[in-house]
Protein backbone atom coordinates (compact mmCIF):
# COMPACT_ATOMS: atom_id res chain seq x y z
CA MET A 1 -12.80 -23.58 -18.11
CA ALA A 2 -11.17 -26.20 -16.25
CA MET A 3 -10.38 -25.05 -12.46
CA LEU A 4 -6.96 -23.81 -12.12
CA LYS A 5 -5.02 -25.90 -9.58
CA PHE A 6 -2.42 -24.29 -6.96
CA GLY A 7 0.18 -25.99 -5.40
CA ARG A 8 0.25 -24.10 -2.21
CA HIS A 9 -2.86 -22.08 -0.14
CA ALA A 10 -0.49 -18.71 1.00
CA PRO A 11 -2.34 -17.96 4.34
CA PRO A 12 -4.14 -14.89 4.12
CA HIS A 13 -1.96 -11.36 5.58
CA PRO A 14 -2.83 -11.29 9.50
CA GLN A 15 -3.85 -7.93 8.93
CA ARG A 16 -6.89 -8.71 6.27
CA GLN A 17 -10.09 -6.80 7.28
CA ILE A 18 -13.97 -7.63 6.94
CA ILE A 19 -15.67 -4.91 5.77
CA VAL A 20 -19.32 -4.23 7.26
CA GLU A 21 -21.29 -1.53 5.90
CA VAL A 22 -24.80 -0.77 7.31
CA ASP A 23 -26.10 0.68 4.20
CA ARG A 24 -26.18 0.04 0.47
CA PRO A 25 -25.18 2.70 -2.90
CA SER A 26 -28.05 2.36 -5.77
CA PHE A 27 -25.16 0.05 -7.85
CA VAL A 28 -22.67 -1.74 -6.60
CA TYR A 29 -20.00 -3.22 -9.54
CA ALA A 30 -18.28 -6.29 -9.23
CA ILE A 31 -15.12 -6.49 -11.25
CA GLY A 32 -13.54 -10.04 -11.76
CA ASP A 33 -10.37 -11.62 -11.48
CA ILE A 34 -8.57 -9.12 -13.57
CA HIS A 35 -5.01 -10.84 -13.62
CA GLY A 36 -2.69 -8.00 -15.24
CA CYS A 37 -5.38 -7.32 -18.54
CA LEU A 38 -5.02 -3.66 -18.53
CA HIS A 39 -6.58 -2.50 -21.73
CA GLN A 40 -9.76 -5.22 -20.77
CA LEU A 41 -9.94 -3.25 -17.37
CA LEU A 42 -9.79 -0.03 -18.40
CA ALA A 43 -11.90 -0.56 -21.43
CA LEU A 44 -14.63 -1.94 -18.64
CA GLU A 45 -14.42 0.91 -16.23
CA GLN A 46 -15.19 3.20 -19.12
CA VAL A 47 -17.96 1.41 -19.76
CA ILE A 48 -19.19 1.56 -16.03
CA ALA A 49 -18.40 5.32 -16.09
CA ALA A 50 -20.91 5.53 -18.62
CA ASP A 51 -23.47 3.82 -16.79
CA ILE A 52 -22.98 5.35 -13.73
CA ALA A 53 -23.31 8.74 -15.14
CA GLU A 54 -26.42 7.69 -17.13
CA HIS A 55 -28.33 7.05 -13.87
CA GLY A 56 -27.17 9.26 -12.34
CA GLN A 57 -27.39 7.05 -8.55
CA SER A 58 -24.48 6.14 -6.18
CA ALA A 59 -22.92 3.71 -7.03
CA LEU A 60 -19.48 1.66 -5.94
CA VAL A 61 -17.07 -0.20 -7.99
CA VAL A 62 -15.69 -3.33 -6.54
CA CYS A 63 -12.46 -5.31 -7.79
CA LEU A 64 -12.65 -8.93 -6.52
CA GLY A 65 -9.08 -9.58 -5.87
CA ASP A 66 -6.63 -11.76 -8.54
CA MET A 67 -5.54 -8.11 -9.82
CA ILE A 68 -2.52 -9.57 -10.85
CA ASP A 69 -0.10 -12.46 -11.91
CA ARG A 70 -0.63 -14.35 -15.34
CA GLY A 71 -1.27 -11.46 -17.74
CA PRO A 72 1.36 -8.80 -18.81
CA HIS A 73 0.69 -5.89 -16.96
CA SER A 74 0.19 -6.36 -13.06
CA ALA A 75 2.25 -3.41 -12.60
CA HIS A 76 0.54 -1.61 -14.71
CA VAL A 77 -2.91 -2.28 -13.80
CA LEU A 78 -1.88 -1.93 -9.84
CA GLU A 79 -0.62 1.56 -10.56
CA HIS A 80 -3.78 2.29 -12.40
CA LEU A 81 -6.19 1.40 -9.64
CA SER A 82 -3.79 3.28 -6.71
CA THR A 83 -5.12 6.33 -8.98
CA SER A 84 -8.16 8.19 -8.38
CA ALA A 85 -10.91 7.22 -10.39
CA PRO A 86 -14.57 8.84 -11.68
CA PHE A 87 -16.01 6.88 -9.55
CA GLU A 88 -16.07 4.92 -5.51
CA ARG A 89 -13.57 1.88 -5.57
CA LEU A 90 -12.73 -0.36 -3.14
CA LEU A 91 -10.22 -2.99 -3.97
CA LEU A 92 -10.68 -7.01 -2.07
CA THR A 93 -7.38 -9.75 -1.84
CA GLY A 94 -7.29 -12.59 -3.68
CA ASN A 95 -5.33 -15.43 -3.57
CA HIS A 96 -2.50 -14.45 -6.10
CA GLU A 97 -2.35 -11.14 -4.01
CA GLU A 98 -1.57 -13.42 -1.03
CA MET A 99 0.85 -16.00 -2.73
CA PHE A 100 3.04 -12.60 -3.90
CA LEU A 101 2.87 -11.43 -0.48
CA ASP A 102 4.07 -14.73 1.02
CA PHE A 103 6.39 -15.04 -2.12
CA LEU A 104 8.52 -11.80 -0.86
CA GLU A 105 8.38 -12.89 2.62
CA ALA A 106 10.89 -15.35 1.16
CA PRO A 107 12.03 -15.53 -1.68
CA HIS A 108 13.37 -18.51 -3.93
CA ARG A 109 13.48 -19.97 -7.41
CA GLN A 110 10.67 -23.23 -6.45
CA HIS A 111 8.11 -21.29 -4.69
CA PRO A 112 4.20 -21.73 -6.08
CA TRP A 113 3.76 -17.96 -6.89
CA LEU A 114 6.57 -18.29 -9.33
CA ARG A 115 5.04 -21.44 -11.24
CA ASN A 116 1.05 -19.62 -11.03
CA GLY A 117 2.08 -15.72 -12.87
CA GLY A 118 3.99 -14.98 -10.70
CA TRP A 119 6.98 -14.00 -12.93
CA GLU A 120 4.67 -12.61 -15.44
CA THR A 121 4.14 -10.02 -12.54
CA LEU A 122 7.95 -9.51 -12.02
CA ARG A 123 8.62 -8.74 -15.19
CA SER A 124 5.75 -6.14 -15.39
CA TYR A 125 7.77 -4.53 -12.92
CA GLY A 126 11.08 -4.79 -15.13
CA LEU A 127 12.56 -7.54 -12.76
CA ASP A 128 15.23 -10.24 -14.48
CA GLU A 129 14.33 -13.42 -13.62
CA ASP A 130 17.91 -14.34 -15.02
CA ASN A 131 19.89 -12.22 -12.11
CA LEU A 132 17.15 -12.04 -8.96
CA PHE A 133 18.39 -15.11 -7.21
CA GLU A 134 22.23 -15.36 -8.47
CA ALA A 135 22.95 -13.30 -4.83
CA GLY A 136 21.04 -15.18 -2.60
CA PRO A 137 17.37 -15.06 -1.16
CA GLN A 138 18.55 -11.23 1.30
CA VAL A 139 19.35 -9.57 -2.34
CA ALA A 140 16.27 -11.02 -4.20
CA SER A 141 14.57 -9.62 -0.84
CA GLN A 142 15.63 -6.27 -1.40
CA ARG A 143 15.70 -6.19 -5.31
CA LEU A 144 12.01 -7.02 -5.19
CA VAL A 145 11.14 -4.03 -2.33
CA ALA A 146 13.41 -1.37 -4.89
CA GLY A 147 11.48 -3.10 -7.83
CA ILE A 148 7.85 -2.98 -6.96
CA GLY A 149 8.11 -0.36 -4.66
CA GLN A 150 6.93 0.75 -1.64
CA ASP A 151 3.29 2.38 -2.27
CA HIS A 152 2.31 -0.89 -4.24
CA LEU A 153 3.51 -3.12 -1.59
CA ALA A 154 1.77 -1.03 1.24
CA MET A 155 -1.34 -0.95 -0.89
CA LEU A 156 -1.41 -5.05 -0.96
CA ARG A 157 -0.99 -5.28 1.99
CA ASN A 158 -3.78 -3.53 3.31
CA LEU A 159 -6.20 -4.98 1.01
CA PRO A 160 -9.88 -6.04 3.28
CA VAL A 161 -10.74 -9.80 2.39
CA CYS A 162 -14.38 -9.26 2.26
CA TYR A 163 -16.91 -6.22 1.89
CA ALA A 164 -20.40 -7.22 3.60
CA LEU A 165 -23.84 -4.58 2.78
CA PRO A 166 -27.04 -5.52 3.76
CA GLY A 167 -27.64 -8.70 1.49
CA LEU A 168 -25.09 -8.47 -0.55
CA THR A 169 -21.30 -9.88 0.03
CA LEU A 170 -18.17 -9.49 -2.13
CA VAL A 171 -15.22 -11.79 -1.62
CA HIS A 172 -12.72 -12.92 -3.83
CA ALA A 173 -13.16 -16.94 -3.64
CA GLY A 174 -16.86 -17.54 -2.07
CA LEU A 175 -18.14 -18.17 1.62
CA VAL A 176 -19.50 -21.56 3.12
CA GLU A 177 -22.53 -22.72 2.53
CA GLY A 178 -25.15 -21.70 6.41
CA LEU A 179 -22.26 -20.14 8.19
CA PRO A 180 -22.76 -16.31 9.54
CA LEU A 181 -19.87 -14.29 8.41
CA ASN A 182 -18.35 -13.71 11.58
CA GLN A 183 -18.06 -17.32 11.23
CA GLN A 184 -16.15 -18.00 7.73
CA SER A 185 -12.49 -18.20 7.70
CA ALA A 186 -10.61 -15.81 5.92
CA ARG A 187 -8.83 -18.37 3.96
CA ASP A 188 -11.52 -19.51 2.67
CA MET A 189 -12.81 -16.43 1.08
CA VAL A 190 -9.59 -16.31 -0.74
CA TRP A 191 -9.27 -19.94 -1.50
CA LEU A 192 -12.76 -21.42 -1.51
CA ARG A 193 -13.98 -23.61 -4.44
CA MET A 194 -17.43 -22.56 -4.81
CA PRO A 195 -19.61 -25.56 -6.03
CA GLU A 196 -22.32 -25.02 -8.78
CA PRO A 197 -25.04 -24.53 -8.29
CA ALA A 198 -23.64 -23.02 -5.08
CA TYR A 199 -26.45 -22.73 -2.25
CA GLY A 200 -29.38 -24.40 -1.63
CA GLY A 201 -31.48 -21.40 -0.60
CA PRO A 202 -30.85 -17.62 1.35
CA GLN A 203 -27.61 -17.52 3.30
CA PRO A 204 -27.09 -15.21 6.21
CA PHE A 205 -25.09 -13.74 4.43
CA GLY A 206 -27.34 -12.47 1.06
CA LEU A 207 -26.15 -12.23 -2.32
CA VAL A 208 -22.55 -13.44 -2.63
CA VAL A 209 -20.67 -11.96 -5.35
CA HIS A 210 -17.27 -13.82 -6.23
CA GLY A 211 -14.67 -14.34 -8.81
CA HIS A 212 -11.57 -17.25 -8.40
CA THR A 213 -12.98 -20.32 -9.92
CA PRO A 214 -13.45 -19.14 -14.11
CA ALA A 215 -15.48 -19.80 -16.33
CA SER A 216 -16.04 -18.83 -19.89
CA GLN A 217 -19.41 -16.59 -18.71
CA PRO A 218 -20.60 -15.28 -15.98
CA ILE A 219 -22.81 -17.85 -13.79
CA VAL A 220 -25.48 -16.06 -11.83
CA GLU A 221 -27.67 -17.94 -9.89
CA PRO A 222 -30.03 -16.78 -7.15
CA PHE A 223 -27.79 -16.82 -4.17
CA ARG A 224 -24.76 -16.41 -5.80
CA ILE A 225 -22.45 -14.55 -9.09
CA CYS A 226 -19.19 -15.35 -10.15
CA VAL A 227 -17.85 -12.96 -13.02
CA ASP A 228 -14.27 -14.77 -13.35
CA THR A 229 -14.41 -15.31 -16.86
CA GLY A 230 -10.49 -16.14 -16.94
CA ALA A 231 -9.51 -12.25 -18.80
CA PHE A 232 -5.52 -13.44 -18.99
CA ALA A 233 -6.31 -16.15 -21.02
CA THR A 234 -10.27 -15.69 -22.47
CA GLY A 235 -9.45 -11.68 -23.04
CA LEU A 236 -13.10 -11.39 -21.66
CA LEU A 237 -13.40 -9.33 -18.53
CA THR A 238 -16.59 -9.27 -16.63
CA ALA A 239 -18.42 -7.14 -14.22
CA ALA A 240 -22.23 -7.29 -12.31
CA ARG A 241 -23.63 -4.44 -11.23
CA ILE A 242 -26.34 -5.21 -9.14
CA ASP A 243 -29.05 -3.05 -7.98
CA ARG A 244 -31.03 -1.93 -4.38
CA LEU A 245 -33.24 -5.06 -5.36
CA GLY A 246 -30.65 -7.45 -6.37
CA ALA A 247 -31.46 -6.66 -10.07
CA VAL A 248 -28.25 -8.00 -12.27
CA THR A 249 -26.80 -6.41 -14.83
CA LEU A 250 -23.91 -7.44 -16.63
CA PHE A 251 -21.33 -5.51 -18.36
CA SER A 252 -17.32 -7.17 -20.18
CA SER A 253 -14.65 -6.04 -22.28
CA ARG A 254 -12.86 -8.18 -24.67
CA ASP A 255 -8.70 -7.74 -25.31
């Protein structure tokens, strides 16, 4: 699949956190870029929940960002992810969440977010693109906040940018080779394009699991895994399960 390109790199929200744990559960499930594909997400979560129940081990499910835009149901995806689940769940930010928040600070018709799936997100909230900007940016901002709602906005503003466990790091876009985690930039964590193959050897941050760069199939290499399979375009949403020994199992759902 061709690499997606964007016109402007919105900086990460200044409050983004890197979460570092000293232990890890038996299974970590990493879900790739959802991009408003609610049906695939619900189906994939059913598969994951059944797998967790079958093994009876401690587990964590991590969504790797880009939960919104491009697909038709971004508002419904965020509403679903804001509710309780039959498993522990963590959400990370991606570049599309960052572009969305950047747009909300200064909404205008030419903002690059709108050209990169933003209109689909606004439509999912019932916002009419024909009259959103007719009364100027201040009124547009008020309409956006009212239409999207404070709960969803607060959730997006408080997403962490990276989740690190012993021997395993989960992040939206990837990490720069050779740099310790405390020297990595938040911008790279949401915008970096990982080469293929990604790393020439073991990294100080362990195995990296990321999304952001879509491919027709998940990429599993010795030191990184990419689970962005372009759900909005291919209909395929992918997750990887990583156990404490580093064994990888792939799951997917298709629209």
